[in-house]
N, C-alpha and C. Protein backbone atom coordinates (compact mmCIF):
# COMPACT_ATOMS: atom_id res chain seq x y z
N UNK A 1 -56.91 11.63 -154.25
CA UNK A 1 -57.56 10.33 -154.33
C UNK A 1 -58.50 10.28 -155.54
N UNK A 2 -58.47 9.16 -156.23
CA UNK A 2 -59.38 8.98 -157.35
C UNK A 2 -60.67 8.35 -156.84
N UNK A 3 -61.65 8.29 -157.72
CA UNK A 3 -62.93 7.70 -157.34
C UNK A 3 -62.77 6.24 -156.98
N UNK A 4 -61.89 5.52 -157.68
CA UNK A 4 -61.68 4.10 -157.42
C UNK A 4 -61.08 3.88 -156.04
N UNK A 5 -60.18 4.75 -155.61
CA UNK A 5 -59.53 4.59 -154.31
C UNK A 5 -60.52 4.85 -153.17
N UNK A 6 -61.50 5.73 -153.37
CA UNK A 6 -62.44 6.06 -152.31
C UNK A 6 -63.64 5.12 -152.27
N UNK A 7 -63.79 4.29 -153.26
CA UNK A 7 -64.96 3.41 -153.34
C UNK A 7 -64.87 2.33 -152.27
N UNK A 8 -65.94 2.19 -151.51
CA UNK A 8 -66.01 1.16 -150.47
C UNK A 8 -66.94 0.05 -150.95
N UNK A 9 -66.50 -1.17 -150.78
CA UNK A 9 -67.30 -2.33 -151.17
C UNK A 9 -67.48 -3.20 -149.93
N UNK A 10 -68.72 -3.57 -149.66
CA UNK A 10 -69.00 -4.44 -148.52
C UNK A 10 -68.43 -5.82 -148.79
N UNK A 11 -68.02 -6.50 -147.74
CA UNK A 11 -67.44 -7.83 -147.87
C UNK A 11 -68.42 -8.80 -148.53
N UNK A 12 -69.69 -8.67 -148.21
CA UNK A 12 -70.70 -9.55 -148.80
C UNK A 12 -70.78 -9.34 -150.31
N UNK A 13 -70.71 -8.10 -150.76
CA UNK A 13 -70.75 -7.82 -152.19
C UNK A 13 -69.51 -8.36 -152.89
N UNK A 14 -68.37 -8.23 -152.26
CA UNK A 14 -67.13 -8.76 -152.84
C UNK A 14 -67.18 -10.27 -152.96
N UNK A 15 -67.64 -10.96 -151.92
CA UNK A 15 -67.76 -12.43 -151.96
C UNK A 15 -68.77 -12.86 -153.02
N UNK A 16 -69.86 -12.12 -153.14
CA UNK A 16 -70.88 -12.45 -154.15
C UNK A 16 -70.29 -12.35 -155.55
N UNK A 17 -69.52 -11.32 -155.82
CA UNK A 17 -68.90 -11.16 -157.14
C UNK A 17 -67.88 -12.25 -157.41
N UNK A 18 -67.08 -12.59 -156.41
CA UNK A 18 -66.06 -13.61 -156.60
C UNK A 18 -66.67 -14.99 -156.82
N UNK A 19 -67.68 -15.33 -156.01
CA UNK A 19 -68.28 -16.66 -156.12
C UNK A 19 -69.12 -16.81 -157.38
N UNK A 20 -69.68 -15.71 -157.88
CA UNK A 20 -70.48 -15.79 -159.10
C UNK A 20 -69.63 -16.24 -160.28
N UNK A 21 -68.40 -15.80 -160.33
CA UNK A 21 -67.52 -16.19 -161.43
C UNK A 21 -66.58 -17.31 -161.07
N UNK A 22 -66.37 -17.56 -159.82
CA UNK A 22 -65.44 -18.59 -159.37
C UNK A 22 -64.07 -18.00 -159.07
N UNK A 23 -63.38 -18.62 -158.15
CA UNK A 23 -62.06 -18.14 -157.73
C UNK A 23 -61.13 -19.34 -157.66
N UNK A 24 -59.92 -19.18 -158.18
CA UNK A 24 -58.90 -20.21 -158.07
C UNK A 24 -57.84 -19.69 -157.11
N UNK A 25 -57.55 -20.48 -156.07
CA UNK A 25 -56.55 -20.12 -155.07
C UNK A 25 -55.40 -21.11 -155.18
N UNK A 26 -54.19 -20.60 -155.35
CA UNK A 26 -53.02 -21.46 -155.40
C UNK A 26 -51.95 -20.88 -154.49
N UNK A 27 -51.13 -21.75 -153.94
CA UNK A 27 -50.06 -21.28 -153.09
C UNK A 27 -49.13 -22.40 -152.68
N UNK A 28 -47.95 -22.03 -152.24
CA UNK A 28 -46.94 -22.97 -151.76
C UNK A 28 -46.39 -22.45 -150.43
N UNK A 29 -46.26 -23.35 -149.47
CA UNK A 29 -45.64 -23.02 -148.19
C UNK A 29 -44.56 -24.04 -147.92
N UNK A 30 -43.38 -23.56 -147.59
CA UNK A 30 -42.27 -24.45 -147.28
C UNK A 30 -41.66 -24.05 -145.95
N UNK A 31 -41.57 -25.02 -145.02
CA UNK A 31 -40.91 -24.79 -143.74
C UNK A 31 -39.48 -25.30 -143.88
N UNK A 32 -38.53 -24.39 -143.77
CA UNK A 32 -37.13 -24.72 -144.02
C UNK A 32 -36.29 -24.28 -142.82
N UNK A 33 -35.43 -25.17 -142.36
CA UNK A 33 -34.46 -24.86 -141.30
C UNK A 33 -33.08 -25.24 -141.78
N UNK A 34 -32.15 -24.30 -141.73
CA UNK A 34 -30.76 -24.53 -142.15
C UNK A 34 -30.69 -25.08 -143.57
N UNK A 35 -31.44 -24.47 -144.48
CA UNK A 35 -31.49 -24.88 -145.88
C UNK A 35 -31.93 -26.32 -146.10
N UNK A 36 -32.71 -26.85 -145.16
CA UNK A 36 -33.27 -28.19 -145.29
C UNK A 36 -34.80 -28.05 -145.27
N UNK A 37 -35.45 -28.47 -146.37
CA UNK A 37 -36.90 -28.42 -146.43
C UNK A 37 -37.49 -29.49 -145.53
N UNK A 38 -38.25 -29.05 -144.51
CA UNK A 38 -38.87 -30.01 -143.59
C UNK A 38 -40.31 -30.32 -143.98
N UNK A 39 -41.07 -29.30 -144.34
CA UNK A 39 -42.47 -29.48 -144.69
C UNK A 39 -42.77 -28.63 -145.91
N UNK A 40 -43.47 -29.22 -146.87
CA UNK A 40 -43.91 -28.46 -148.04
C UNK A 40 -45.39 -28.72 -148.25
N UNK A 41 -46.14 -27.64 -148.40
CA UNK A 41 -47.59 -27.74 -148.60
C UNK A 41 -47.92 -27.01 -149.90
N UNK A 42 -48.59 -27.69 -150.81
CA UNK A 42 -49.09 -27.09 -152.06
C UNK A 42 -50.60 -26.98 -151.95
N UNK A 43 -51.12 -25.81 -152.26
CA UNK A 43 -52.55 -25.57 -152.18
C UNK A 43 -53.09 -25.22 -153.56
N UNK A 44 -54.09 -25.96 -154.00
CA UNK A 44 -54.82 -25.67 -155.23
C UNK A 44 -56.30 -25.84 -154.91
N UNK A 45 -57.06 -24.75 -155.01
CA UNK A 45 -58.47 -24.82 -154.67
C UNK A 45 -59.30 -24.03 -155.68
N UNK A 46 -60.46 -24.56 -156.00
CA UNK A 46 -61.42 -23.86 -156.84
C UNK A 46 -62.65 -23.61 -155.99
N UNK A 47 -63.02 -22.34 -155.85
CA UNK A 47 -64.16 -21.97 -155.03
C UNK A 47 -65.20 -21.34 -155.94
N UNK A 48 -66.41 -21.89 -155.93
CA UNK A 48 -67.46 -21.39 -156.81
C UNK A 48 -68.80 -21.64 -156.16
N UNK A 49 -69.78 -20.85 -156.57
CA UNK A 49 -71.13 -21.07 -156.05
C UNK A 49 -71.79 -22.20 -156.83
N UNK A 50 -72.79 -22.81 -156.23
CA UNK A 50 -73.53 -23.91 -156.86
C UNK A 50 -75.01 -23.56 -156.82
N UNK A 51 -75.68 -23.69 -157.97
CA UNK A 51 -77.12 -23.48 -158.02
C UNK A 51 -77.72 -24.41 -159.06
N UNK A 52 -78.97 -24.17 -159.45
CA UNK A 52 -79.63 -25.08 -160.38
C UNK A 52 -78.93 -25.12 -161.74
N UNK A 53 -78.44 -23.98 -162.20
CA UNK A 53 -77.80 -23.96 -163.52
C UNK A 53 -76.38 -24.51 -163.48
N UNK A 54 -75.75 -24.51 -162.30
CA UNK A 54 -74.41 -25.06 -162.14
C UNK A 54 -74.47 -26.06 -160.98
N UNK A 55 -74.83 -27.31 -161.24
CA UNK A 55 -74.99 -28.28 -160.14
C UNK A 55 -73.67 -28.66 -159.51
N UNK A 56 -73.74 -29.18 -158.31
CA UNK A 56 -72.56 -29.63 -157.59
C UNK A 56 -71.95 -30.85 -158.27
N UNK A 57 -70.62 -30.88 -158.42
CA UNK A 57 -70.00 -32.07 -159.02
C UNK A 57 -69.95 -33.24 -158.05
N UNK A 58 -70.34 -33.01 -156.79
CA UNK A 58 -70.25 -34.04 -155.78
C UNK A 58 -71.58 -34.69 -155.47
N UNK A 59 -72.62 -34.39 -156.26
CA UNK A 59 -73.91 -35.02 -156.04
C UNK A 59 -73.80 -36.51 -156.27
N UNK A 60 -74.41 -37.26 -155.40
CA UNK A 60 -74.40 -38.71 -155.51
C UNK A 60 -75.50 -39.15 -156.46
N UNK A 61 -75.11 -39.80 -157.53
CA UNK A 61 -76.08 -40.30 -158.51
C UNK A 61 -76.15 -41.81 -158.35
N UNK A 62 -77.30 -42.29 -157.90
CA UNK A 62 -77.49 -43.72 -157.69
C UNK A 62 -78.09 -44.36 -158.93
N UNK A 63 -77.65 -45.58 -159.23
CA UNK A 63 -78.27 -46.28 -160.37
C UNK A 63 -79.69 -46.68 -159.98
N UNK A 64 -80.53 -46.92 -161.00
CA UNK A 64 -81.90 -47.32 -160.68
C UNK A 64 -81.89 -48.66 -159.94
N UNK A 65 -82.83 -48.85 -159.01
CA UNK A 65 -82.85 -50.11 -158.26
C UNK A 65 -83.16 -51.29 -159.17
N UNK A 66 -82.55 -52.40 -158.86
CA UNK A 66 -82.78 -53.61 -159.66
C UNK A 66 -84.15 -54.18 -159.33
N UNK A 67 -84.82 -54.68 -160.35
CA UNK A 67 -86.14 -55.25 -160.13
C UNK A 67 -85.99 -56.66 -159.56
N UNK A 68 -86.81 -56.94 -158.55
CA UNK A 68 -86.82 -58.28 -157.94
C UNK A 68 -87.97 -59.05 -158.57
N UNK A 69 -87.67 -60.25 -159.08
CA UNK A 69 -88.68 -61.05 -159.77
C UNK A 69 -89.28 -62.05 -158.83
């Protein structure tokens, strides 16, 4: 066994490393019976951490309120 094979990494450390850089998950699932495609699912996901330096793209930005005269 090499040093790399014996190295143990905690799940929390692995998730921290992955989320710090971001992870792209892609996949295809097809349910087929008798060579007939019944259901097809395509998965494309980007998983990343969000903090002050990398804000969420889903933040709601409201326009300034209109002044009432």
